[in-house]
Protein backbone atom coordinates (compact mmCIF):
# COMPACT_ATOMS: atom_id res chain seq x y z
CA MET A 1 7.50 -28.97 3.60
CA SER A 2 4.82 -30.65 5.73
CA ASN A 3 3.44 -27.35 7.06
CA LYS A 4 3.21 -25.71 3.67
CA PRO A 5 -0.06 -23.78 3.20
CA LYS A 6 -2.73 -25.38 1.03
CA LEU A 7 -5.72 -24.21 -0.95
CA GLU A 8 -7.92 -26.22 1.40
CA GLY A 9 -6.57 -24.18 4.32
CA ILE A 10 -7.31 -20.94 2.46
CA LEU A 11 -10.90 -22.06 1.86
CA LYS A 12 -11.26 -22.84 5.59
CA ALA A 13 -9.79 -19.45 6.44
CA HIS A 14 -12.35 -17.82 4.18
CA ILE A 15 -15.12 -19.39 6.29
CA SER A 16 -13.39 -18.42 9.54
CA LEU A 17 -13.13 -14.79 8.40
CA SER A 18 -16.79 -14.53 7.44
CA GLY A 19 -18.29 -11.60 9.32
CA VAL A 20 -14.85 -10.44 10.50
CA ALA A 21 -12.88 -9.30 7.45
CA GLU A 22 -14.43 -7.17 4.74
CA ARG A 23 -14.83 -8.60 1.27
CA THR A 24 -12.92 -5.76 -0.36
CA PRO A 25 -13.67 -4.73 -3.96
CA THR A 26 -11.54 -5.60 -6.96
CA SER A 27 -12.11 -2.34 -8.83
CA PHE A 28 -11.45 -1.57 -12.48
CA ASN A 29 -9.48 1.68 -12.73
CA LEU A 30 -10.07 3.77 -15.81
CA ASN A 31 -7.12 6.17 -15.46
CA PHE A 32 -4.48 3.48 -14.98
CA SER A 33 -6.06 1.33 -17.69
CA ASP A 34 -5.87 4.20 -20.18
CA ARG A 35 -2.31 5.06 -19.14
CA TYR A 36 -1.03 1.52 -19.68
CA GLU A 37 -3.41 0.52 -22.48
CA SER A 38 -4.55 -2.47 -20.47
CA LYS A 39 -7.24 -3.53 -18.02
CA VAL A 40 -5.95 -2.55 -14.58
CA TYR A 41 -7.80 -3.61 -11.45
CA PHE A 42 -7.09 -2.48 -7.87
CA LYS A 43 -7.63 -5.03 -5.10
CA ARG A 44 -8.61 -2.53 -2.42
CA GLU A 45 -7.23 -3.99 0.81
CA ASP A 46 -6.81 -0.39 1.95
CA LEU A 47 -10.57 -0.58 2.60
CA GLN A 48 -10.22 -3.52 4.99
CA VAL A 49 -11.49 -3.15 8.58
CA VAL A 50 -7.99 -2.33 9.86
CA ARG A 51 -7.05 -0.64 6.56
CA SER A 52 -4.82 -3.49 5.42
CA TYR A 53 -5.00 -7.17 4.50
CA LYS A 54 -3.16 -8.12 7.71
CA LEU A 55 -6.42 -8.75 9.59
CA ARG A 56 -7.01 -11.84 7.45
CA GLY A 57 -3.92 -13.72 8.57
CA ALA A 58 -3.94 -12.46 12.15
CA TYR A 59 -7.53 -13.48 12.85
CA ASN A 60 -7.13 -16.83 11.09
CA LYS A 61 -4.14 -17.60 13.33
CA VAL A 62 -5.46 -16.28 16.64
CA SER A 63 -8.88 -17.90 16.25
CA SER A 64 -7.21 -21.28 15.65
CA LEU A 65 -5.38 -21.33 19.01
CA SER A 66 -6.32 -23.82 21.72
CA ASP A 67 -8.08 -22.69 24.89
CA LYS A 68 -4.84 -23.15 26.84
CA GLU A 69 -2.89 -21.01 24.37
CA LYS A 70 -5.54 -18.32 24.50
CA GLU A 71 -5.40 -18.36 28.31
CA HIS A 72 -1.65 -17.63 28.29
CA GLY A 73 -2.15 -14.73 25.89
CA ILE A 74 -0.39 -13.85 22.68
CA VAL A 75 2.50 -11.61 21.64
CA CYS A 76 3.52 -10.21 18.26
CA ALA A 77 6.02 -7.90 16.58
CA SER A 78 4.92 -5.51 13.87
CA ALA A 79 5.73 -2.31 12.02
CA GLY A 80 2.05 -1.44 12.30
CA ASN A 81 -0.45 -3.29 10.13
CA HIS A 82 -0.01 -6.78 11.60
CA ALA A 83 -0.30 -5.20 15.05
CA GLN A 84 -3.68 -3.75 14.13
CA GLY A 85 -4.90 -7.11 12.88
CA VAL A 86 -3.73 -8.81 16.07
CA ALA A 87 -5.23 -6.07 18.25
CA TYR A 88 -8.59 -6.35 16.49
CA SER A 89 -8.51 -10.14 16.88
CA CYS A 90 -7.62 -9.92 20.59
CA LYS A 91 -10.52 -7.59 21.31
CA LYS A 92 -13.02 -9.60 19.28
CA LEU A 93 -11.96 -12.95 20.78
CA GLY A 94 -11.31 -11.70 24.34
CA ILE A 95 -7.62 -12.65 24.39
CA LYS A 96 -4.88 -10.65 26.12
CA GLY A 97 -2.12 -9.55 23.73
CA THR A 98 1.18 -7.69 23.88
CA VAL A 99 2.37 -5.89 20.77
CA PHE A 100 6.01 -4.90 20.19
CA MET A 101 6.51 -2.16 17.59
CA PRO A 102 9.58 -0.21 16.38
CA SER A 103 9.93 3.13 18.11
CA VAL A 104 9.87 4.83 14.68
CA THR A 105 6.41 3.45 13.83
CA PRO A 106 4.14 6.29 12.61
CA LYS A 107 1.91 7.57 15.43
CA GLN A 108 -1.14 6.97 13.29
CA LYS A 109 -0.48 3.21 13.32
CA ILE A 110 0.23 3.16 17.06
CA ASN A 111 -3.02 4.97 17.78
CA GLN A 112 -4.92 2.56 15.53
CA VAL A 113 -3.54 -0.41 17.48
CA ARG A 114 -4.75 1.18 20.71
CA MET A 115 -8.14 1.88 19.19
CA PHE A 116 -8.69 -1.67 17.93
CA GLY A 117 -7.23 -3.47 20.95
CA LYS A 118 -8.65 -1.29 23.72
CA ASP A 119 -7.91 -2.84 27.15
CA MET A 120 -6.98 -6.22 25.67
CA VAL A 121 -3.65 -5.07 24.21
CA ASP A 122 -0.44 -3.62 25.68
CA ILE A 123 1.92 -1.77 23.31
CA VAL A 124 5.70 -1.79 23.74
CA LEU A 125 7.79 0.49 21.51
CA THR A 126 11.37 -0.69 21.09
CA GLY A 127 14.29 -0.41 18.65
CA ASP A 128 14.41 1.17 15.22
CA THR A 129 13.27 -1.69 12.95
CA PHE A 130 10.80 -4.55 12.82
CA ASP A 131 13.65 -6.92 13.56
CA ASP A 132 14.44 -5.11 16.83
CA ALA A 133 10.82 -5.42 17.89
CA TYR A 134 10.83 -9.07 16.79
CA THR A 135 13.79 -9.89 19.05
CA GLU A 136 12.10 -8.32 22.07
CA ALA A 137 8.80 -10.06 21.33
CA ARG A 138 10.46 -13.49 21.18
CA ALA A 139 12.14 -12.78 24.54
CA PHE A 140 8.72 -11.90 25.97
CA GLU A 141 7.34 -15.18 24.58
CA ASP A 142 10.04 -17.20 26.37
CA LYS A 143 9.60 -15.33 29.65
CA HIS A 144 5.81 -15.33 29.89
CA GLY A 145 4.76 -18.41 27.92
CA ALA A 146 2.65 -16.38 25.49
CA THR A 147 1.99 -17.64 21.96
CA PHE A 148 3.93 -15.71 19.35
CA VAL A 149 1.83 -14.69 16.34
CA HIS A 150 4.28 -14.25 13.50
CA PRO A 151 3.42 -11.58 10.91
CA PHE A 152 4.35 -13.73 7.90
CA ASP A 153 6.27 -16.96 8.67
CA ASP A 154 3.30 -19.11 9.68
CA THR A 155 0.98 -21.40 7.75
CA LYS A 156 -2.23 -20.05 9.30
CA ILE A 157 -1.13 -16.47 8.62
CA ILE A 158 -0.33 -17.28 4.98
CA GLU A 159 -3.63 -19.11 4.47
CA GLY A 160 -5.50 -16.14 5.91
CA GLN A 161 -3.76 -13.75 3.52
CA GLY A 162 -4.53 -16.17 0.69
CA THR A 163 -8.24 -15.37 1.00
CA VAL A 164 -7.44 -12.20 -0.96
CA ALA A 165 -6.88 -14.45 -3.99
CA LEU A 166 -10.28 -16.16 -3.65
CA GLU A 167 -12.03 -12.80 -3.92
CA ILE A 168 -9.95 -11.70 -6.91
CA VAL A 169 -10.61 -14.77 -9.03
CA THR A 170 -14.31 -14.60 -8.16
CA ASP A 171 -14.58 -10.92 -9.06
CA ILE A 172 -12.80 -11.06 -12.42
CA ASP A 173 -14.51 -13.33 -14.95
CA GLN A 174 -11.61 -13.40 -17.42
CA GLN A 175 -8.02 -14.56 -17.59
CA ILE A 176 -5.82 -12.57 -15.20
CA ASP A 177 -2.52 -12.11 -17.01
CA TYR A 178 -0.51 -10.31 -14.31
CA LEU A 179 -0.74 -10.06 -10.55
CA PHE A 180 1.43 -7.44 -8.83
CA VAL A 181 1.95 -8.00 -5.12
CA PRO A 182 4.04 -6.12 -2.52
CA ILE A 183 6.52 -8.14 -0.48
CA GLY A 184 7.71 -7.48 3.04
CA GLY A 185 8.19 -10.75 4.89
CA GLY A 186 6.42 -12.62 2.11
CA GLY A 187 3.20 -13.80 3.77
CA LEU A 188 0.78 -12.13 1.36
CA ALA A 189 2.75 -13.20 -1.70
CA SER A 190 2.86 -16.79 -0.39
CA GLY A 191 -0.89 -16.91 0.15
CA LEU A 192 -1.58 -15.51 -3.32
CA ILE A 193 0.86 -17.97 -4.92
CA THR A 194 -0.74 -20.90 -3.10
CA ALA A 195 -4.18 -20.01 -4.43
CA PHE A 196 -3.30 -18.70 -7.89
CA LYS A 197 -1.12 -21.64 -8.88
CA GLN A 198 -4.24 -23.81 -8.64
CA LEU A 199 -7.05 -21.39 -9.48
CA SER A 200 -5.31 -19.31 -12.17
CA PRO A 201 -2.03 -21.08 -13.04
CA ASP A 202 -1.28 -18.99 -16.14
CA THR A 203 -1.19 -15.72 -14.19
CA LYS A 204 2.28 -14.20 -13.93
CA ILE A 205 2.92 -13.19 -10.33
CA ILE A 206 5.31 -10.26 -9.90
CA GLY A 207 6.65 -9.53 -6.44
CA LEU A 208 7.63 -5.96 -5.54
CA GLU A 209 10.10 -4.89 -2.87
CA PRO A 210 11.31 -1.40 -1.94
CA GLU A 211 14.76 -0.73 -3.35
CA GLY A 212 16.12 -0.06 0.12
CA ALA A 213 15.01 -3.42 1.56
CA PRO A 214 15.50 -6.20 -1.04
CA ALA A 215 15.47 -9.12 1.41
CA MET A 216 13.44 -11.55 -0.74
CA LYS A 217 15.31 -10.78 -3.96
CA ARG A 218 18.69 -11.21 -2.30
CA SER A 219 17.60 -14.43 -0.59
CA ILE A 220 16.34 -15.99 -3.82
CA GLU A 221 19.50 -14.94 -5.67
CA GLU A 222 21.79 -16.40 -3.01
CA GLY A 223 19.71 -19.53 -2.37
CA LYS A 224 19.44 -18.93 1.37
CA ASN A 225 17.63 -16.68 3.80
CA VAL A 226 19.75 -13.52 3.80
CA THR A 227 19.63 -11.00 6.65
CA LEU A 228 20.34 -7.52 5.34
CA ASP A 229 22.82 -5.43 7.33
CA GLU A 230 21.07 -2.14 6.59
CA ILE A 231 17.66 -1.21 5.20
CA ASP A 232 15.75 1.94 4.33
CA THR A 233 12.74 1.80 6.69
CA PHE A 234 10.69 4.38 4.78
CA VAL A 235 8.34 1.75 3.29
CA ASP A 236 7.62 0.57 6.81
CA GLY A 237 5.04 -2.04 5.84
CA ALA A 238 7.49 -3.82 3.52
CA ALA A 239 10.93 -3.08 4.97
CA VAL A 240 12.36 -6.11 6.78
CA ARG A 241 15.94 -7.32 7.20
CA ALA A 242 14.96 -10.95 6.59
CA VAL A 243 11.94 -12.66 5.03
CA GLY A 244 10.24 -15.72 6.46
CA LYS A 245 11.66 -19.19 5.88
CA LEU A 246 8.32 -20.56 4.72
CA PRO A 247 7.57 -17.61 2.40
CA LEU A 248 11.04 -17.93 0.90
CA GLU A 249 10.39 -21.58 0.03
CA ILE A 250 7.10 -20.64 -1.63
CA CYS A 251 8.23 -17.44 -3.37
CA LYS A 252 11.44 -18.79 -4.88
CA ASP A 253 9.41 -21.23 -6.98
CA GLY A 254 6.10 -19.34 -7.22
CA LEU A 255 7.12 -15.83 -8.24
CA ASP A 256 7.75 -15.19 -11.92
CA GLU A 257 9.89 -12.16 -11.09
CA ILE A 258 10.86 -9.76 -8.32
CA LYS A 259 11.23 -6.05 -9.06
CA LEU A 260 12.82 -3.48 -6.78
CA VAL A 261 10.96 -0.18 -6.74
CA PRO A 262 12.76 3.07 -5.76
CA GLU A 263 11.30 4.77 -2.71
CA GLY A 264 11.02 8.03 -4.65
CA LYS A 265 8.91 6.33 -7.32
CA ILE A 266 6.63 4.99 -4.59
CA CYS A 267 6.22 8.54 -3.25
CA THR A 268 5.29 9.85 -6.69
CA THR A 269 2.63 7.15 -6.93
CA ILE A 270 1.24 7.99 -3.47
CA LEU A 271 0.77 11.61 -4.57
CA GLN A 272 -0.78 10.56 -7.90
CA LEU A 273 -3.28 8.29 -6.17
CA TYR A 274 -4.28 11.05 -3.78
CA ASN A 275 -4.52 13.82 -6.38
CA GLN A 276 -6.05 11.82 -9.24
CA GLU A 277 -7.97 8.99 -7.56
CA ALA A 278 -8.74 10.40 -4.08
CA ILE A 279 -7.15 7.24 -2.66
CA VAL A 280 -4.94 7.47 0.43
CA VAL A 281 -2.30 4.73 0.65
CA GLU A 282 0.73 4.03 2.78
CA PRO A 283 4.09 3.50 1.02
CA ALA A 284 3.73 -0.30 0.93
CA GLY A 285 0.22 0.12 -0.46
CA ALA A 286 1.59 1.97 -3.48
CA LEU A 287 4.29 -0.58 -4.33
CA SER A 288 2.31 -2.62 -6.84
CA LEU A 289 1.05 0.45 -8.73
CA ALA A 290 4.46 2.15 -8.69
CA ALA A 291 5.91 -0.85 -10.51
CA LEU A 292 3.62 -0.63 -13.54
CA ASP A 293 5.85 1.87 -15.34
CA PHE A 294 8.59 -0.76 -15.44
CA TYR A 295 6.22 -3.22 -17.18
CA LYS A 296 4.29 -0.87 -19.47
CA ASP A 297 5.32 -2.70 -22.65
CA GLU A 298 4.67 -6.18 -21.25
CA ILE A 299 1.22 -5.46 -19.83
CA LYS A 300 -0.18 -3.61 -22.86
CA GLY A 301 -3.49 -5.23 -23.79
CA LYS A 302 -3.40 -7.49 -20.72
CA THR A 303 -5.57 -7.90 -17.64
CA VAL A 304 -3.65 -6.76 -14.57
CA VAL A 305 -4.46 -6.88 -10.85
CA CYS A 306 -2.53 -4.75 -8.36
CA ILE A 307 -2.83 -5.35 -4.63
CA VAL A 308 -3.35 -2.04 -2.84
CA SER A 309 -2.25 -3.49 0.47
CA GLY A 310 -2.94 -0.74 3.00
CA SER A 311 -3.80 2.86 3.78
CA ASN A 312 -2.30 3.42 7.23
CA ASN A 313 -0.38 6.55 6.33
CA ASP A 314 0.50 9.30 8.79
CA ILE A 315 -0.31 12.79 7.48
CA THR A 316 2.86 14.11 9.14
CA ARG A 317 4.86 12.17 6.53
CA THR A 318 3.40 14.19 3.65
CA GLU A 319 6.33 16.61 3.35
CA GLU A 320 8.85 13.75 3.29
CA ILE A 321 6.78 11.95 0.66
CA LYS A 322 6.70 15.07 -1.51
CA GLU A 323 10.44 15.64 -1.02
CA ARG A 324 11.37 12.08 -2.01
CA SER A 325 9.08 12.28 -5.03
CA LEU A 326 10.59 15.54 -6.31
CA LEU A 327 14.13 14.23 -5.86
CA TYR A 328 13.28 11.03 -7.72
CA GLU A 329 11.54 12.89 -10.54
CA GLY A 330 14.67 15.00 -11.01
CA VAL A 331 13.13 18.41 -10.43
CA LYS A 332 14.48 19.19 -6.95
CA HIS A 333 18.20 19.68 -6.46
CA TYR A 334 20.45 20.73 -3.63
CA PHE A 335 23.82 22.46 -3.82
CA MET A 336 26.50 23.94 -1.63
CA VAL A 337 27.36 27.13 -3.53
CA ARG A 338 30.20 29.57 -2.76
CA PHE A 339 28.57 32.99 -3.13
CA PRO A 340 30.69 36.12 -3.64
CA GLN A 341 30.32 38.22 -0.47
CA ARG A 342 29.21 41.37 -2.19
CA VAL A 343 25.97 43.28 -2.62
CA GLY A 344 23.82 41.95 -5.48
CA ALA A 345 25.25 38.41 -5.59
CA LEU A 346 21.92 36.76 -4.81
CA LYS A 347 20.10 38.95 -7.35
CA GLU A 348 22.69 37.92 -9.96
CA PHE A 349 22.20 34.25 -9.10
CA VAL A 350 18.44 34.52 -9.54
CA SER A 351 18.59 36.48 -12.80
CA ASP A 352 21.60 34.86 -14.52
CA VAL A 353 21.70 31.29 -13.16
CA LEU A 354 18.09 30.21 -12.63
CA GLY A 355 15.61 29.72 -15.44
CA PRO A 356 12.54 31.98 -15.56
CA GLU A 357 10.30 29.27 -14.05
CA ASP A 358 12.82 27.75 -11.61
CA ASP A 359 12.36 28.42 -7.90
CA ILE A 360 14.57 28.61 -4.80
CA VAL A 361 12.90 26.41 -2.17
CA HIS A 362 15.68 26.30 0.42
CA PHE A 363 18.33 28.88 1.32
CA GLU A 364 20.77 28.92 4.24
CA TYR A 365 23.54 31.51 4.42
CA SER A 366 25.64 33.12 7.13
CA LYS A 367 27.95 35.96 6.10
CA LYS A 368 31.64 35.26 6.79
CA HIS A 369 33.77 38.36 7.32
CA ASN A 370 37.24 38.66 5.79
CA ARG A 371 36.41 36.09 3.09
CA GLU A 372 35.76 36.58 -0.60
CA ASN A 373 33.17 33.80 -0.74
CA GLY A 374 30.57 32.43 1.67
CA PRO A 375 28.97 28.95 1.61
CA VAL A 376 25.27 28.78 0.80
CA PHE A 377 23.16 25.64 1.16
CA ILE A 378 20.52 26.06 -1.52
CA GLY A 379 17.63 23.99 -2.84
CA VAL A 380 16.24 24.60 -6.32
CA GLU A 381 13.03 23.26 -7.84
CA LEU A 382 13.24 23.20 -11.63
CA HIS A 383 10.38 23.70 -14.04
CA ASP A 384 11.45 20.46 -15.74
CA LYS A 385 14.28 18.00 -15.12
CA GLU A 386 15.84 18.69 -18.52
CA SER A 387 16.96 22.09 -17.21
CA LEU A 388 19.55 20.63 -14.82
CA ASN A 389 22.50 20.73 -17.24
CA THR A 390 21.68 24.35 -18.05
CA LEU A 391 21.74 25.13 -14.32
CA PHE A 392 25.18 23.51 -13.99
CA GLU A 393 26.47 25.52 -16.97
CA ASN A 394 25.05 28.79 -15.68
CA MET A 395 26.67 28.43 -12.25
CA THR A 396 30.05 27.72 -13.81
CA LYS A 397 29.76 30.53 -16.39
CA ASN A 398 28.74 33.10 -13.76
CA ASN A 399 31.47 32.11 -11.30
CA PHE A 400 29.35 30.39 -8.65
CA PRO A 401 31.48 27.37 -7.62
CA TYR A 402 29.23 24.58 -6.37
CA GLU A 403 29.06 21.08 -4.96
CA TYR A 404 26.10 18.96 -6.13
CA LEU A 405 24.55 17.29 -3.08
CA ASN A 406 21.94 15.02 -4.71
CA GLU A 407 24.83 12.68 -5.52
CA LYS A 408 25.73 12.56 -1.83
CA PRO A 409 22.53 11.25 -0.18
CA ASP A 410 24.23 10.37 3.10
CA LEU A 411 25.28 13.99 3.54
CA LEU A 412 22.04 15.41 2.18
CA GLN A 413 19.86 13.55 4.68
CA TYR A 414 21.61 15.38 7.53
CA LEU A 415 21.10 18.78 5.91
CA ILE A 416 17.39 18.59 5.05
């Protein structure tokens, strides 16, 4: 492809970004290195000016526009991080911008866009996904003649993101065996591939997608750009229905493998990073680290770099993150239980069904007259996941008929 990004373009982007983007550290992490018996480095893009790598591509693109293009203004669509990079660029370069974001975008990211863009940026919230916002932004482009700044399907964007690779290979003075990179639309992965294939060609590049939004994996498998009908938008920085055409061309040949990471596993990693490392990351920022468990045998004794892509997490999501983590780890379980409508039934359930260290964390019950049994929606947190079969056995043995709701996620999401 004639417009394919090049290492020369990444080097030029590096110069363009001087004094704008932070040169983030590539930090050796002792805990993760000990856990996986390898040398694990974090590329800390969560410490970037806008708390994600997205500033690199956005500024590289916006600063390259002609005076006429700048005069007509720019427009973009984003789930949050690209919007912040564009907003920062608009304010710094004095260009008017309009940012379309999904209505479900965390408030923290919306407020950050306002903070970075000030009076140079208008925010429009629309639809439920990035793709909804994208459609509206392209309509705005046609109507007003603004330049659309794509979050990932653009050579200048990809070359800007590729500057991450220049810093990594400069910081680590040894062979990098594995590079783990999160994938949303594919811009970051494409920039890293472009640089690494020339600067460190023996490095295995592993792309990570959230299990609920496998657009790149599906597209590579089917040999065409696939648009997913439904996605889980929880990992908002990496959940898209379709990847970019240019990133797909680069990733299908440049990635050594793509791994899908369960959202619950990502949540567990977010909590681990906060509790053990004092690092706050958004779901997409934890993708690369969450994947290490799936490669623990392969990476033993190797040098590994994980891209920590962003830290724009909304504190109001903490309870959901904890909930998803506990469900994934197999220690939190929900049931619809038919309780005998007699005095002492709950006491019997606690003493004869639950283990001594198990806990009831959710309980909804309304007494039904003229019935022998009443439905109870109950949540139980186990001391360890191995106790689940014992819980099943105890409910059956003590005549508490139940329906296990963890196996019915569509129903469960409406109840909790």
